[in-house]
Amino acid sequence: MRSILDNGPSTAAALAERLELTAAAVRRHLEALLADGAVEARDARPVGSRGRGRPAKVFALTERGRDGFDQQYDDLATEALRFLSETAGADAVRAFAEQRASFIERRFPEVQAAHPDASPAEVLAQVFTAEGYAATVRQLAPINGAAKGEQLCQQHCPVSHVAHEFPQLCEAETEAIGRVLGTHVQRLATIAHGDGVCTTCIPDVNQHIKNKEEVSS
């Protein structure tokens, strides 16, 4: 992938020559990258007169493939937020964080409507996964027969490096989750602060509603 990034779309033969690998080895690597969506095969542009036989395919990086390389987007985003903080103040950074987290409240109702049998945490996992967070749900064990809810686990965070310096990004997400669920949620761990996964405790929403109704009555 680095060779393609540095040299542009390349044929299997060119990759084999540059990397000093056999053609069979290059094909195995390319098949894996194609299956993963990291590269795509394209028809080579004809240069001069073409001989007989099918034209060689060239392999180019996809957007997914490029995402695997450090393109200094994190540094640029961090610098932009520093500038915003210095020139417009903390409130402006907070407003930006809330605007960025707005996808949660915007997407939650439509995903929930499309998957009526999914739990709120499962709906949130789909919403976050669509934004690049690779989210899953883990059931929490009940205590004394009482439901303990679920845990939203985000295996990846696309803004973790920036959120390390600007925790407002994590805070805005947590607050947006609480608003769509209508209950308090607790962020237990974040990748931005060195944890292996972002975890948010999602209480049993149905039990929460039942408790509120009992208090009201």
C-alpha atoms as a PDB file:
ATOM      1  CA  MET A   1       0.000   0.000   0.000  1.00  0.00           C
ATOM      2  CA  ARG A   2       2.875   2.367   0.770  1.00  0.00           C
ATOM      3  CA  SER A   3       4.393   1.608  -2.620  1.00  0.00           C
ATOM      4  CA  ILE A   4       1.113   2.448  -4.368  1.00  0.00           C
ATOM      5  CA  LEU A   5       0.742   5.594  -2.276  1.00  0.00           C
ATOM      6  CA  ASP A   6       4.251   6.765  -3.177  1.00  0.00           C
ATOM      7  CA  ASN A   7       4.213   5.745  -6.840  1.00  0.00           C
ATOM      8  CA  GLY A   8       0.565   5.976  -7.852  1.00  0.00           C
ATOM      9  CA  PRO A   9      -1.645   3.246  -9.371  1.00  0.00           C
ATOM     10  CA  SER A  10       0.587   0.302 -10.198  1.00  0.00           C
ATOM     11  CA  THR A  11       0.430  -3.019 -12.013  1.00  0.00           C
ATOM     12  CA  ALA A  12       1.160  -6.244 -10.184  1.00  0.00           C
ATOM     13  CA  ALA A  13       4.342  -6.601 -12.226  1.00  0.00           C
ATOM     14  CA  ALA A  14       5.569  -3.148 -11.236  1.00  0.00           C
ATOM     15  CA  LEU A  15       4.845  -3.857  -7.569  1.00  0.00           C
ATOM     16  CA  ALA A  16       6.709  -7.159  -7.751  1.00  0.00           C
ATOM     17  CA  GLU A  17       9.748  -5.441  -9.247  1.00  0.00           C
ATOM     18  CA  ARG A  18       9.771  -2.542  -6.768  1.00  0.00           C
ATOM     19  CA  LEU A  19       9.240  -4.743  -3.707  1.00  0.00           C
ATOM     20  CA  GLU A  20      11.406  -7.608  -4.944  1.00  0.00           C
ATOM     21  CA  LEU A  21       8.606 -10.109  -4.461  1.00  0.00           C
ATOM     22  CA  THR A  22       7.367 -12.903  -6.684  1.00  0.00           C
ATOM     23  CA  ALA A  23       4.320 -12.267  -8.847  1.00  0.00           C
ATOM     24  CA  ALA A  24       2.422 -14.926  -6.878  1.00  0.00           C
ATOM     25  CA  ALA A  25       3.187 -13.197  -3.568  1.00  0.00           C
ATOM     26  CA  VAL A  26       2.056  -9.827  -4.919  1.00  0.00           C
ATOM     27  CA  ARG A  27      -1.179 -11.353  -6.203  1.00  0.00           C
ATOM     28  CA  ARG A  28      -1.922 -12.827  -2.763  1.00  0.00           C
ATOM     29  CA  HIS A  29      -1.392  -9.439  -1.121  1.00  0.00           C
ATOM     30  CA  LEU A  30      -3.517  -7.669  -3.728  1.00  0.00           C
ATOM     31  CA  GLU A  31      -6.355 -10.187  -3.369  1.00  0.00           C
ATOM     32  CA  ALA A  32      -6.428  -9.544   0.386  1.00  0.00           C
ATOM     33  CA  LEU A  33      -6.377  -5.771  -0.105  1.00  0.00           C
ATOM     34  CA  LEU A  34      -9.143  -5.987  -2.719  1.00  0.00           C
ATOM     35  CA  ALA A  35     -11.275  -8.071  -0.355  1.00  0.00           C
ATOM     36  CA  ASP A  36     -10.690  -5.524   2.401  1.00  0.00           C
ATOM     37  CA  GLY A  37     -11.641  -2.620   0.141  1.00  0.00           C
ATOM     38  CA  ALA A  38      -8.242  -0.966   0.568  1.00  0.00           C
ATOM     39  CA  VAL A  39      -7.394  -1.042  -3.152  1.00  0.00           C
ATOM     40  CA  GLU A  40      -9.361  -1.234  -6.381  1.00  0.00           C
ATOM     41  CA  ALA A  41      -8.436  -2.549  -9.816  1.00  0.00           C
ATOM     42  CA  ARG A  42      -8.642  -0.208 -12.796  1.00  0.00           C
ATOM     43  CA  ASP A  43      -7.960  -0.470 -16.500  1.00  0.00           C
ATOM     44  CA  ALA A  44      -4.541   0.930 -17.282  1.00  0.00           C
ATOM     45  CA  ARG A  45      -4.427   3.968 -19.520  1.00  0.00           C
ATOM     46  CA  PRO A  46      -2.927   2.965 -22.882  1.00  0.00           C
ATOM     47  CA  VAL A  47       0.515   4.357 -23.529  1.00  0.00           C
ATOM     48  CA  GLY A  48       1.715   4.093 -27.139  1.00  0.00           C
ATOM     49  CA  SER A  49       0.789   1.072 -29.245  1.00  0.00           C
ATOM     50  CA  ARG A  50      -0.668  -1.813 -27.304  1.00  0.00           C
ATOM     51  CA  GLY A  51       0.302  -5.398 -28.030  1.00  0.00           C
ATOM     52  CA  ARG A  52      -1.940  -8.388 -28.094  1.00  0.00           C
ATOM     53  CA  GLY A  53      -3.718  -9.722 -25.030  1.00  0.00           C
ATOM     54  CA  ARG A  54      -5.683  -8.089 -22.272  1.00  0.00           C
ATOM     55  CA  PRO A  55      -4.286  -4.825 -20.912  1.00  0.00           C
ATOM     56  CA  ALA A  56      -2.725  -5.098 -17.479  1.00  0.00           C
ATOM     57  CA  LYS A  57      -4.786  -3.880 -14.535  1.00  0.00           C
ATOM     58  CA  VAL A  58      -3.450  -1.196 -12.258  1.00  0.00           C
ATOM     59  CA  PHE A  59      -4.209  -1.149  -8.567  1.00  0.00           C
ATOM     60  CA  ALA A  60      -5.046   2.113  -6.831  1.00  0.00           C
ATOM     61  CA  LEU A  61      -5.769   2.989  -3.204  1.00  0.00           C
ATOM     62  CA  THR A  62      -9.391   3.605  -2.263  1.00  0.00           C
ATOM     63  CA  GLU A  63     -10.448   6.204   0.296  1.00  0.00           C
ATOM     64  CA  ARG A  64     -10.474   3.425   2.863  1.00  0.00           C
ATOM     65  CA  GLY A  65      -6.933   2.528   1.936  1.00  0.00           C
ATOM     66  CA  ARG A  66      -5.772   6.116   2.222  1.00  0.00           C
ATOM     67  CA  ASP A  67      -7.352   6.384   5.664  1.00  0.00           C
ATOM     68  CA  GLY A  68      -4.761   3.900   6.876  1.00  0.00           C
ATOM     69  CA  PHE A  69      -1.997   6.453   6.403  1.00  0.00           C
ATOM     70  CA  ASP A  70      -1.206   9.477   8.507  1.00  0.00           C
ATOM     71  CA  GLN A  71      -2.239  12.420   6.355  1.00  0.00           C
ATOM     72  CA  GLN A  72      -1.908  14.910   9.234  1.00  0.00           C
ATOM     73  CA  TYR A  73      -5.669  15.485   9.372  1.00  0.00           C
ATOM     74  CA  ASP A  74      -5.534  15.098  13.156  1.00  0.00           C
ATOM     75  CA  ASP A  75      -2.813  17.729  13.435  1.00  0.00           C
ATOM     76  CA  LEU A  76      -4.748  20.079  11.184  1.00  0.00           C
ATOM     77  CA  ALA A  77      -7.973  19.598  13.182  1.00  0.00           C
ATOM     78  CA  THR A  78      -6.157  20.152  16.473  1.00  0.00           C
ATOM     79  CA  GLU A  79      -4.521  23.322  15.186  1.00  0.00           C
ATOM     80  CA  ALA A  80      -7.886  24.587  13.927  1.00  0.00           C
ATOM     81  CA  LEU A  81      -9.518  24.018  17.318  1.00  0.00           C
ATOM     82  CA  ARG A  82      -6.604  25.693  19.093  1.00  0.00           C
ATOM     83  CA  PHE A  83      -7.034  28.703  16.839  1.00  0.00           C
ATOM     84  CA  LEU A  84     -10.786  28.703  17.483  1.00  0.00           C
ATOM     85  CA  SER A  85     -10.206  28.511  21.238  1.00  0.00           C
ATOM     86  CA  GLU A  86      -7.642  31.321  21.217  1.00  0.00           C
ATOM     87  CA  THR A  87      -9.618  33.667  18.972  1.00  0.00           C
ATOM     88  CA  ALA A  88     -13.235  32.927  19.873  1.00  0.00           C
ATOM     89  CA  GLY A  89     -13.004  31.305  23.288  1.00  0.00           C
ATOM     90  CA  ALA A  90     -14.047  28.054  24.942  1.00  0.00           C
ATOM     91  CA  ASP A  91     -17.710  28.592  24.117  1.00  0.00           C
ATOM     92  CA  ALA A  92     -16.917  28.436  20.414  1.00  0.00           C
ATOM     93  CA  VAL A  93     -15.102  25.110  20.852  1.00  0.00           C
ATOM     94  CA  ARG A  94     -18.060  23.819  22.826  1.00  0.00           C
ATOM     95  CA  ALA A  95     -20.469  24.934  20.108  1.00  0.00           C
ATOM     96  CA  PHE A  96     -18.357  23.165  17.497  1.00  0.00           C
ATOM     97  CA  ALA A  97     -18.331  19.959  19.565  1.00  0.00           C
ATOM     98  CA  GLU A  98     -22.114  20.071  19.925  1.00  0.00           C
ATOM     99  CA  GLN A  99     -22.589  20.682  16.207  1.00  0.00           C
ATOM    100  CA  ARG A 100     -20.332  17.737  15.395  1.00  0.00           C
ATOM    101  CA  ALA A 101     -22.235  15.445  17.774  1.00  0.00           C
ATOM    102  CA  SER A 102     -25.562  16.454  16.232  1.00  0.00           C
ATOM    103  CA  PHE A 103     -25.438  13.367  13.981  1.00  0.00           C
ATOM    104  CA  ILE A 104     -26.534  11.317  17.005  1.00  0.00           C
ATOM    105  CA  GLU A 105     -29.852  13.108  17.481  1.00  0.00           C
ATOM    106  CA  ARG A 106     -30.333  13.515  13.749  1.00  0.00           C
ATOM    107  CA  ARG A 107     -29.800   9.866  12.842  1.00  0.00           C
ATOM    108  CA  PHE A 108     -31.222   8.098  15.904  1.00  0.00           C
ATOM    109  CA  PRO A 109     -34.973   8.450  15.060  1.00  0.00           C
ATOM    110  CA  GLU A 110     -34.631   7.191  11.483  1.00  0.00           C
ATOM    111  CA  VAL A 111     -32.437   4.221  12.445  1.00  0.00           C
ATOM    112  CA  GLN A 112     -34.806   3.364  15.289  1.00  0.00           C
ATOM    113  CA  ALA A 113     -37.792   3.505  12.930  1.00  0.00           C
ATOM    114  CA  ALA A 114     -35.997   1.209  10.478  1.00  0.00           C
ATOM    115  CA  HIS A 115     -35.124  -1.284  13.244  1.00  0.00           C
ATOM    116  CA  PRO A 116     -38.063  -1.267  15.686  1.00  0.00           C
ATOM    117  CA  ASP A 117     -36.914  -4.472  17.406  1.00  0.00           C
ATOM    118  CA  ALA A 118     -33.462  -3.103  18.239  1.00  0.00           C
ATOM    119  CA  SER A 119     -32.702  -1.845  21.720  1.00  0.00           C
ATOM    120  CA  PRO A 120     -31.765   1.840  22.107  1.00  0.00           C
ATOM    121  CA  ALA A 121     -28.132   0.835  22.595  1.00  0.00           C
ATOM    122  CA  GLU A 122     -28.211  -1.274  19.428  1.00  0.00           C
ATOM    123  CA  VAL A 123     -29.672   1.661  17.519  1.00  0.00           C
ATOM    124  CA  LEU A 124     -26.895   3.883  18.837  1.00  0.00           C
ATOM    125  CA  ALA A 125     -24.304   1.293  17.774  1.00  0.00           C
ATOM    126  CA  GLN A 126     -25.599   1.476  14.211  1.00  0.00           C
ATOM    127  CA  VAL A 127     -25.597   5.276  14.284  1.00  0.00           C
ATOM    128  CA  PHE A 128     -22.016   5.428  15.547  1.00  0.00           C
ATOM    129  CA  THR A 129     -20.766   2.684  13.232  1.00  0.00           C
ATOM    130  CA  ALA A 130     -22.086   4.616  10.235  1.00  0.00           C
ATOM    131  CA  GLU A 131     -19.878   7.505  11.392  1.00  0.00           C
ATOM    132  CA  GLY A 132     -16.747   5.335  11.592  1.00  0.00           C
ATOM    133  CA  TYR A 133     -16.769   4.344  15.277  1.00  0.00           C
ATOM    134  CA  ALA A 134     -17.074   0.536  14.844  1.00  0.00           C
ATOM    135  CA  ALA A 135     -19.550   0.324  17.718  1.00  0.00           C
ATOM    136  CA  THR A 136     -20.965  -2.797  19.362  1.00  0.00           C
ATOM    137  CA  VAL A 137     -23.229  -3.532  22.327  1.00  0.00           C
ATOM    138  CA  ARG A 138     -22.487  -5.633  25.381  1.00  0.00           C
ATOM    139  CA  GLN A 139     -25.198  -6.785  27.761  1.00  0.00           C
ATOM    140  CA  LEU A 140     -24.617  -5.974  31.431  1.00  0.00           C
ATOM    141  CA  ALA A 141     -25.318  -8.769  33.883  1.00  0.00           C
ATOM    142  CA  PRO A 142     -28.452  -8.243  36.021  1.00  0.00           C
ATOM    143  CA  ILE A 143     -28.114  -7.856  39.792  1.00  0.00           C
ATOM    144  CA  ASN A 144     -30.770  -9.481  42.015  1.00  0.00           C
ATOM    145  CA  GLY A 145     -32.925 -10.051  38.949  1.00  0.00           C
ATOM    146  CA  ALA A 146     -33.015  -6.354  38.049  1.00  0.00           C
ATOM    147  CA  ALA A 147     -31.971  -5.381  34.530  1.00  0.00           C
ATOM    148  CA  LYS A 148     -28.710  -3.464  34.448  1.00  0.00           C
ATOM    149  CA  GLY A 149     -28.903  -2.238  30.874  1.00  0.00           C
ATOM    150  CA  GLU A 150     -26.235  -2.365  28.199  1.00  0.00           C
ATOM    151  CA  GLN A 151     -22.827  -0.999  27.387  1.00  0.00           C
ATOM    152  CA  LEU A 152     -22.107   0.837  24.150  1.00  0.00           C
ATOM    153  CA  CYS A 153     -18.562  -0.029  23.062  1.00  0.00           C
ATOM    154  CA  GLN A 154     -16.785   2.006  20.391  1.00  0.00           C
ATOM    155  CA  GLN A 155     -13.777   0.028  19.141  1.00  0.00           C
ATOM    156  CA  HIS A 156     -12.532   2.978  17.106  1.00  0.00           C
ATOM    157  CA  CYS A 157     -12.806   6.741  17.474  1.00  0.00           C
ATOM    158  CA  PRO A 158     -12.092   8.867  14.390  1.00  0.00           C
ATOM    159  CA  VAL A 159     -11.417  11.940  16.547  1.00  0.00           C
ATOM    160  CA  SER A 160      -9.537  10.346  19.458  1.00  0.00           C
ATOM    161  CA  HIS A 161      -6.268  12.242  18.884  1.00  0.00           C
ATOM    162  CA  VAL A 162      -8.077  15.568  18.797  1.00  0.00           C
ATOM    163  CA  ALA A 163     -10.350  14.675  21.715  1.00  0.00           C
ATOM    164  CA  HIS A 164      -7.261  14.004  23.846  1.00  0.00           C
ATOM    165  CA  GLU A 165      -6.674  17.760  23.916  1.00  0.00           C
ATOM    166  CA  PHE A 166     -10.301  18.803  23.490  1.00  0.00           C
ATOM    167  CA  PRO A 167     -12.488  16.555  25.709  1.00  0.00           C
ATOM    168  CA  GLN A 168     -15.476  18.703  24.732  1.00  0.00           C
ATOM    169  CA  LEU A 169     -15.860  16.354  21.749  1.00  0.00           C
ATOM    170  CA  CYS A 170     -16.430  13.362  24.043  1.00  0.00           C
ATOM    171  CA  GLU A 171     -18.620  15.362  26.417  1.00  0.00           C
ATOM    172  CA  ALA A 172     -20.900  16.538  23.609  1.00  0.00           C
ATOM    173  CA  GLU A 173     -21.344  12.972  22.367  1.00  0.00           C
ATOM    174  CA  THR A 174     -22.230  11.721  25.844  1.00  0.00           C
ATOM    175  CA  GLU A 175     -24.772  14.486  26.368  1.00  0.00           C
ATOM    176  CA  ALA A 176     -26.354  13.833  22.958  1.00  0.00           C
ATOM    177  CA  ILE A 177     -26.707  10.143  23.835  1.00  0.00           C
ATOM    178  CA  GLY A 178     -28.443  11.095  27.060  1.00  0.00           C
ATOM    179  CA  ARG A 179     -30.848  13.393  25.234  1.00  0.00           C
ATOM    180  CA  VAL A 180     -31.954  10.824  22.644  1.00  0.00           C
ATOM    181  CA  LEU A 181     -32.500   8.252  25.406  1.00  0.00           C
ATOM    182  CA  GLY A 182     -34.125  10.684  27.829  1.00  0.00           C
ATOM    183  CA  THR A 183     -31.945   9.472  30.691  1.00  0.00           C
ATOM    184  CA  HIS A 184     -28.534   9.986  32.239  1.00  0.00           C
ATOM    185  CA  VAL A 185     -25.705   7.937  30.717  1.00  0.00           C
ATOM    186  CA  GLN A 186     -22.164   7.529  31.960  1.00  0.00           C
ATOM    187  CA  ARG A 187     -19.024   7.396  29.847  1.00  0.00           C
ATOM    188  CA  LEU A 188     -16.779   4.872  31.581  1.00  0.00           C
ATOM    189  CA  ALA A 189     -13.723   4.955  29.339  1.00  0.00           C
ATOM    190  CA  THR A 190     -12.454   6.720  26.237  1.00  0.00           C
ATOM    191  CA  ILE A 191      -9.799   5.950  23.653  1.00  0.00           C
ATOM    192  CA  ALA A 192      -8.823   9.630  23.803  1.00  0.00           C
ATOM    193  CA  HIS A 193      -7.603   9.123  27.369  1.00  0.00           C
ATOM    194  CA  GLY A 194      -5.648   5.959  26.705  1.00  0.00           C
ATOM    195  CA  ASP A 195      -8.309   3.284  27.147  1.00  0.00           C
ATOM    196  CA  GLY A 196      -8.558   0.499  24.598  1.00  0.00           C
ATOM    197  CA  VAL A 197     -12.193   1.233  23.788  1.00  0.00           C
ATOM    198  CA  CYS A 198     -14.779   3.947  24.451  1.00  0.00           C
ATOM    199  CA  THR A 199     -17.494   2.549  26.711  1.00  0.00           C
ATOM    200  CA  THR A 200     -20.763   4.173  27.729  1.00  0.00           C
ATOM    201  CA  CYS A 201     -23.152   2.659  30.238  1.00  0.00           C
ATOM    202  CA  ILE A 202     -26.700   2.647  28.838  1.00  0.00           C
ATOM    203  CA  PRO A 203     -29.309   1.996  31.567  1.00  0.00           C
ATOM    204  CA  ASP A 204     -32.434  -0.041  30.892  1.00  0.00           C
ATOM    205  CA  VAL A 205     -34.549   2.711  29.305  1.00  0.00           C
ATOM    206  CA  ASN A 206     -37.831   0.834  29.802  1.00  0.00           C
ATOM    207  CA  GLN A 207     -37.060   0.395  33.501  1.00  0.00           C
ATOM    208  CA  HIS A 208     -36.145   4.071  33.717  1.00  0.00           C
ATOM    209  CA  ILE A 209     -39.508   5.066  32.200  1.00  0.00           C
ATOM    210  CA  LYS A 210     -41.326   2.685  34.559  1.00  0.00           C
ATOM    211  CA  ASN A 211     -39.580   4.169  37.579  1.00  0.00           C
ATOM    212  CA  LYS A 212     -40.490   7.707  36.466  1.00  0.00           C
ATOM    213  CA  GLU A 213     -44.139   6.693  36.040  1.00  0.00           C
ATOM    214  CA  GLU A 214     -44.200   5.127  39.521  1.00  0.00           C
ATOM    215  CA  VAL A 215     -42.740   8.304  41.037  1.00  0.00           C
ATOM    216  CA  SER A 216     -45.303  10.458  39.183  1.00  0.00           C
ATOM    217  CA  SER A 217     -48.215   8.295  40.323  1.00  0.00           C
END
